[in-house]
Amino acid sequence: MDYPWMVKYITEFIGTALLIILGNGAVANVELKGTKAHHQSWLIIAWGYGLGVMLPAIALGNVSAQINPAFTLGLAASGFFPWAHVAQYILAQLLGAIVGQLIVVMVYRPYYLQTENPNAILGTFSTIDAVDNNDAKTHFSATVNGFLNEFVGSFVLFFGAMGITNLFYGKELIMWYTKYAAKQGADVTSTDVLNQINSAVSGTAASRAIGMVVLGFLVLVLVASLGGPTGPGLNPARDLGPRLVHTVLPKSILGAGKADSKWWYAWVPVVSPILAALAAVALFKLIYLK
C-alpha cells in the first residue's frame, strides 16, 4: 500500500516516541532511586534501546521508520529521500521524542522525586560525557570526547543500516525487476509497485525482516560497547527533545535533585550524528551503489 505522506509523518512521530519510551524508560529504571532495577546492569539500557529501535523498524518499517533526523538528512543529502519532506520528518521525530519523554516522566515521577543525583535525573532525558564532573574545567575534554564517541557510534550505526537495507538477500534481483518495470512504464516510486516487486522475489520479505532484527541488535551492541562515555545519543531527536522537556519541567515534577540541563554540551549529540550520517551514507553510496 502506498501511504500518504501525512501517514508517514505520523508514523515517524509514533516510532520515535516508542524509541524514547523503551530507551529512556530503561535508563530511568536503572538510574532513578527506588526502582526495581536501580543500579543494575548497563545491559538493561542496551536492551531497551536495541528493542526501542527494533520495534518501530519491524512494526512500522513498511510505512516509515527512520526515527532519526541525522539519518533523514544523510539519506536526503545522498539522494535517497526527497528534500521536500525532510523538515516534516524532523519535526515529527522531535515531537515524538518529546511526547515519549513526557510519558517516561509520567510513569517514573515518584522515583524522580526520590532521586538526589542531578546527573542521574538528566541521564534519563539526555546524554552527557562521563568526563564532565560539573566543573567548567572539564567542559572542553568532555566535549571533545563526546563528539568523537558520538561520531564513531553514529557512523557505525548509519553505515550498518545502509548495508542492512540495501545489501540484503534478493536486493540485486529486486533492482533488476525495478529497472525492467520502469522501462515498461510502471511508476517505480509507488509503494504499491515496489511491494509487488518485493513479493515476487522469493525470500526477500524474510531477509528484510531479519535485517530489522539485526538493526536492533546493532543498536544494542553500540550502546553496550560505545555507550560508556556518553550514553550514547546517536540521534539528535533522542537527545534534543528530552533535553527540552528536562529544561521546562519544574522541580515539583522532577524533584529537588533536578539541576541544569547542560546546554553547553547539547550541540554535540545533535551535530556529531548528523555529520556521521552525511559521511556514512555518502561513503556507502560511493562504494556499493555507484
Protein backbone atom coordinates (compact mmCIF):
# COMPACT_ATOMS: atom_id res chain seq x y z
CA MET A 1 0.00 0.00 0.00
CA ASP A 2 1.26 3.46 -0.91
CA TYR A 3 0.68 5.51 2.25
CA PRO A 4 0.07 9.29 2.14
CA TRP A 5 2.90 11.48 3.39
CA MET A 6 0.81 12.61 6.36
CA VAL A 7 0.54 8.98 7.48
CA LYS A 8 4.32 8.71 7.16
CA TYR A 9 4.80 11.83 9.30
CA ILE A 10 2.51 10.39 11.97
CA THR A 11 4.37 7.08 11.79
CA GLU A 12 7.70 8.85 12.35
CA PHE A 13 6.14 10.54 15.38
CA ILE A 14 4.90 7.21 16.77
CA GLY A 15 8.14 5.37 16.04
CA THR A 16 10.32 7.99 17.72
CA ALA A 17 8.00 8.10 20.74
CA LEU A 18 8.30 4.32 21.08
CA LEU A 19 12.09 4.60 20.87
CA ILE A 20 12.17 7.07 23.76
CA ILE A 21 9.64 5.19 25.88
CA LEU A 22 11.60 1.95 25.65
CA GLY A 23 15.09 3.50 25.59
CA ASN A 24 14.88 6.26 28.18
CA GLY A 25 12.40 4.16 30.13
CA ALA A 26 15.17 1.61 30.55
CA VAL A 27 17.59 4.37 31.61
CA ALA A 28 15.09 5.61 34.19
CA ASN A 29 14.67 2.09 35.54
CA VAL A 30 18.42 1.86 36.18
CA GLU A 31 19.24 5.42 37.23
CA LEU A 32 16.33 6.53 39.41
CA LYS A 33 16.29 5.73 43.11
CA GLY A 34 13.71 3.24 44.31
CA THR A 35 13.02 1.48 41.01
CA LYS A 36 13.16 -2.31 40.67
CA ALA A 37 16.35 -2.14 38.60
CA HIS A 38 18.10 0.74 40.39
CA HIS A 39 21.88 0.50 39.89
CA GLN A 40 21.51 -2.77 37.99
CA SER A 41 23.23 -3.86 34.76
CA TRP A 42 24.00 -1.49 31.91
CA LEU A 43 22.66 -4.23 29.66
CA ILE A 44 19.13 -3.24 30.68
CA ILE A 45 19.70 0.09 28.94
CA ALA A 46 21.30 -1.59 25.93
CA TRP A 47 18.33 -3.92 25.56
CA GLY A 48 15.89 -1.05 25.99
CA TYR A 49 17.42 0.95 23.17
CA GLY A 50 18.03 -2.08 20.96
CA LEU A 51 14.40 -3.15 21.14
CA GLY A 52 13.34 0.51 21.02
CA VAL A 53 14.77 0.64 17.50
CA MET A 54 13.77 -2.90 16.53
CA LEU A 55 10.06 -2.48 17.32
CA PRO A 56 9.39 0.54 15.04
CA ALA A 57 11.63 -0.93 12.33
CA ILE A 58 9.66 -4.19 12.20
CA ALA A 59 6.17 -2.94 13.07
CA LEU A 60 6.22 0.33 11.09
CA GLY A 61 9.03 -0.14 8.58
CA ASN A 62 6.68 -0.76 5.65
CA VAL A 63 5.31 2.75 6.21
CA SER A 64 8.29 4.71 7.54
CA ALA A 65 10.78 4.14 10.35
CA GLN A 66 13.75 6.45 10.01
CA ILE A 67 13.07 7.84 13.54
CA ASN A 68 16.33 9.79 13.42
CA PRO A 69 16.87 13.31 11.97
CA ALA A 70 20.52 12.56 11.25
CA PHE A 71 19.59 9.54 9.12
CA THR A 72 16.87 11.53 7.35
CA LEU A 73 19.38 14.26 6.48
CA GLY A 74 22.01 11.73 5.44
CA LEU A 75 19.56 9.97 3.12
CA ALA A 76 18.37 13.25 1.60
CA ALA A 77 21.89 14.57 1.05
CA SER A 78 22.80 11.45 -0.94
CA GLY A 79 19.59 11.39 -2.96
CA PHE A 80 17.76 8.58 -1.16
CA PHE A 81 15.00 10.74 0.31
CA PRO A 82 13.17 13.83 -1.05
CA TRP A 83 14.23 17.14 0.49
CA ALA A 84 10.61 18.31 0.26
CA HIS A 85 9.73 16.08 3.23
CA VAL A 86 12.85 16.44 5.38
CA ALA A 87 11.56 19.28 7.59
CA GLN A 88 8.27 17.49 8.25
CA TYR A 89 10.07 14.27 9.15
CA ILE A 90 12.44 16.01 11.54
CA LEU A 91 9.59 17.90 13.21
CA ALA A 92 7.62 14.67 13.63
CA GLN A 93 10.66 12.91 15.09
CA LEU A 94 11.37 15.74 17.52
CA LEU A 95 7.76 15.92 18.69
CA GLY A 96 7.68 12.14 19.06
CA ALA A 97 10.76 12.27 21.26
CA ILE A 98 9.18 14.98 23.43
CA VAL A 99 5.93 13.07 23.88
CA GLY A 100 7.80 9.82 24.53
CA GLN A 101 9.85 11.52 27.25
CA LEU A 102 6.76 13.01 28.87
CA ILE A 103 5.32 9.50 29.10
CA VAL A 104 8.52 8.26 30.76
CA VAL A 105 8.29 11.10 33.29
CA MET A 106 4.63 10.35 33.97
CA VAL A 107 5.40 6.70 34.72
CA TYR A 108 8.53 7.33 36.79
CA ARG A 109 7.57 10.56 38.60
CA PRO A 110 7.59 9.03 42.14
CA TYR A 111 11.19 7.90 41.55
CA TYR A 112 12.32 11.26 40.18
CA LEU A 113 11.14 12.76 43.47
CA GLN A 114 13.32 10.27 45.40
CA THR A 115 16.48 10.84 43.34
CA GLU A 116 19.02 13.38 44.62
CA ASN A 117 21.71 12.93 41.92
CA PRO A 118 21.17 15.61 39.22
CA ASN A 119 23.26 13.71 36.66
CA ALA A 120 21.13 10.60 37.17
CA ILE A 121 18.00 12.65 36.54
CA LEU A 122 19.42 14.32 33.44
CA GLY A 123 20.68 10.96 32.20
CA THR A 124 17.11 9.71 31.91
CA PHE A 125 16.50 12.54 29.44
CA SER A 126 19.68 13.27 27.53
CA THR A 127 23.35 12.43 27.21
CA ILE A 128 26.44 13.97 28.78
CA ASP A 129 30.02 12.82 28.55
CA ALA A 130 31.23 10.97 31.64
CA VAL A 131 34.33 13.21 31.75
CA ASP A 132 32.09 16.04 32.96
CA ASN A 133 32.11 16.32 36.76
CA ASN A 134 30.07 19.54 37.00
CA ASP A 135 33.29 21.56 36.84
CA ALA A 136 33.67 24.02 33.95
CA LYS A 137 37.30 22.93 33.60
CA THR A 138 36.13 19.58 32.27
CA HIS A 139 33.84 21.03 29.61
CA PHE A 140 36.39 21.04 26.80
CA SER A 141 37.60 17.48 27.32
CA ALA A 142 34.00 16.28 27.76
CA THR A 143 33.00 17.99 24.52
CA VAL A 144 35.89 16.52 22.52
CA ASN A 145 35.43 13.01 23.91
CA GLY A 146 31.67 13.20 23.46
CA PHE A 147 31.94 14.43 19.89
CA LEU A 148 34.32 11.65 18.89
CA ASN A 149 32.24 9.00 20.63
CA GLU A 150 29.01 10.17 19.04
CA PHE A 151 30.61 10.37 15.60
CA VAL A 152 32.11 6.89 15.69
CA GLY A 153 28.97 5.27 17.10
CA SER A 154 26.68 7.10 14.69
CA PHE A 155 28.87 6.30 11.69
CA VAL A 156 28.80 2.59 12.51
CA LEU A 157 25.02 2.75 13.01
CA PHE A 158 24.23 4.52 9.74
CA PHE A 159 26.74 2.62 7.62
CA GLY A 160 25.37 -0.61 9.07
CA ALA A 161 21.78 0.50 8.49
CA MET A 162 22.54 1.24 4.84
CA GLY A 163 24.05 -2.21 4.44
CA ILE A 164 21.12 -3.92 6.14
CA THR A 165 18.55 -2.12 3.98
CA ASN A 166 20.45 -2.20 0.67
CA LEU A 167 22.56 -5.37 0.55
CA PHE A 168 20.10 -7.96 1.86
CA TYR A 169 19.42 -11.26 0.10
CA GLY A 170 17.49 -10.70 -3.14
CA LYS A 171 18.33 -7.00 -3.46
CA GLU A 172 20.10 -7.41 -6.81
CA LEU A 173 17.09 -9.19 -8.31
CA ILE A 174 14.77 -6.52 -6.95
CA MET A 175 16.90 -3.83 -8.60
CA TRP A 176 16.70 -5.70 -11.93
CA TYR A 177 12.91 -6.04 -11.68
CA THR A 178 12.62 -2.35 -10.74
CA LYS A 179 14.63 -1.20 -13.75
CA TYR A 180 12.62 -3.51 -16.01
CA ALA A 181 9.32 -2.23 -14.61
CA ALA A 182 10.45 1.37 -15.14
CA LYS A 183 11.24 0.61 -18.79
CA GLN A 184 7.72 -0.77 -19.17
CA GLY A 185 6.27 2.49 -17.88
CA ALA A 186 5.48 1.49 -14.29
CA ASP A 187 5.74 4.10 -11.52
CA VAL A 188 8.60 2.59 -9.51
CA THR A 189 8.33 5.36 -6.92
CA SER A 190 4.97 3.91 -5.84
CA THR A 191 4.98 1.80 -2.69
CA ASP A 192 2.38 -0.49 -4.25
CA VAL A 193 4.63 -1.24 -7.22
CA LEU A 194 7.69 -1.75 -5.03
CA ASN A 195 5.78 -4.10 -2.72
CA GLN A 196 4.68 -6.18 -5.70
CA ILE A 197 8.27 -6.40 -6.91
CA ASN A 198 9.50 -7.36 -3.44
CA SER A 199 6.86 -10.05 -3.07
CA ALA A 200 7.85 -11.52 -6.44
CA VAL A 201 11.38 -12.25 -5.21
CA SER A 202 11.43 -15.39 -3.05
CA GLY A 203 12.91 -14.92 0.41
CA THR A 204 13.07 -11.14 0.26
CA ALA A 205 10.42 -10.49 2.91
CA ALA A 206 12.11 -12.81 5.40
CA SER A 207 15.50 -11.31 4.60
CA ARG A 208 14.23 -7.76 5.22
CA ALA A 209 12.56 -8.79 8.49
CA ILE A 210 15.76 -10.43 9.70
CA GLY A 211 17.59 -7.24 8.73
CA MET A 212 15.37 -5.17 11.02
CA VAL A 213 16.13 -7.56 13.88
CA VAL A 214 19.85 -7.21 13.16
CA LEU A 215 19.45 -3.42 13.15
CA GLY A 216 18.01 -3.57 16.65
CA PHE A 217 20.90 -5.73 17.82
CA LEU A 218 23.33 -3.31 16.19
CA VAL A 219 21.95 -0.52 18.37
CA LEU A 220 22.09 -2.83 21.39
CA VAL A 221 25.76 -3.62 20.87
CA LEU A 222 26.61 0.02 20.15
CA VAL A 223 25.10 1.04 23.49
CA ALA A 224 26.96 -1.82 25.20
CA SER A 225 30.31 -1.15 23.51
CA LEU A 226 30.40 2.63 22.96
CA GLY A 227 27.82 3.75 25.49
CA GLY A 228 30.28 4.20 28.34
CA PRO A 229 31.48 7.73 27.54
CA THR A 230 28.17 9.44 26.71
CA GLY A 231 25.13 7.18 26.70
CA PRO A 232 25.25 7.33 23.66
CA GLY A 233 22.79 9.52 21.74
CA LEU A 234 23.28 8.54 18.07
CA ASN A 235 20.13 10.52 17.33
CA PRO A 236 19.57 14.31 17.52
CA ALA A 237 15.84 13.95 18.30
CA ARG A 238 16.54 11.41 21.05
CA ASP A 239 18.73 13.96 22.84
CA LEU A 240 17.33 17.38 21.96
CA GLY A 241 13.65 16.61 22.51
CA PRO A 242 14.06 15.15 26.00
CA ARG A 243 16.57 17.88 26.95
CA LEU A 244 13.90 20.47 26.15
CA VAL A 245 11.50 18.56 28.40
CA HIS A 246 14.10 18.48 31.21
CA THR A 247 14.55 22.23 30.90
CA VAL A 248 10.85 23.03 31.03
CA LEU A 249 9.64 20.66 33.75
CA PRO A 250 9.84 22.15 37.28
CA LYS A 251 11.32 20.59 40.40
CA SER A 252 7.81 19.91 41.64
CA ILE A 253 7.70 17.18 38.99
CA LEU A 254 11.34 16.08 38.73
CA GLY A 255 12.27 16.58 42.36
CA ALA A 256 14.71 18.80 44.21
CA GLY A 257 17.62 16.93 42.63
CA LYS A 258 16.98 18.46 39.22
CA ALA A 259 19.78 20.81 38.16
CA ASP A 260 20.73 22.48 34.87
CA SER A 261 20.22 20.79 31.51
CA LYS A 262 23.87 21.28 30.43
CA TRP A 263 23.06 23.18 27.27
CA TRP A 264 26.76 23.88 26.77
CA TYR A 265 27.02 20.24 25.65
CA ALA A 266 23.69 19.97 23.80
CA TRP A 267 25.11 20.71 20.33
CA VAL A 268 27.38 17.64 20.45
CA PRO A 269 24.70 14.87 20.23
CA VAL A 270 22.98 16.91 17.51
CA VAL A 271 25.83 17.94 15.21
CA SER A 272 28.06 14.87 15.55
CA PRO A 273 25.43 12.28 14.48
CA ILE A 274 24.40 14.49 11.56
CA LEU A 275 27.99 14.74 10.29
CA ALA A 276 28.41 10.99 10.80
CA ALA A 277 25.22 10.29 8.84
CA LEU A 278 26.28 12.52 5.95
CA ALA A 279 29.65 10.76 5.79
CA ALA A 280 28.37 7.21 6.31
CA VAL A 281 25.57 7.34 3.73
CA ALA A 282 27.76 9.10 1.16
CA LEU A 283 30.60 6.59 1.63
CA PHE A 284 28.23 3.64 1.39
CA LYS A 285 26.77 5.04 -1.83
CA LEU A 286 30.26 5.61 -3.25
CA ILE A 287 31.40 2.05 -2.52
CA TYR A 288 28.29 -0.06 -3.12
CA LEU A 289 25.68 1.93 -5.05
CA LYS A 290 27.58 3.55 -7.91
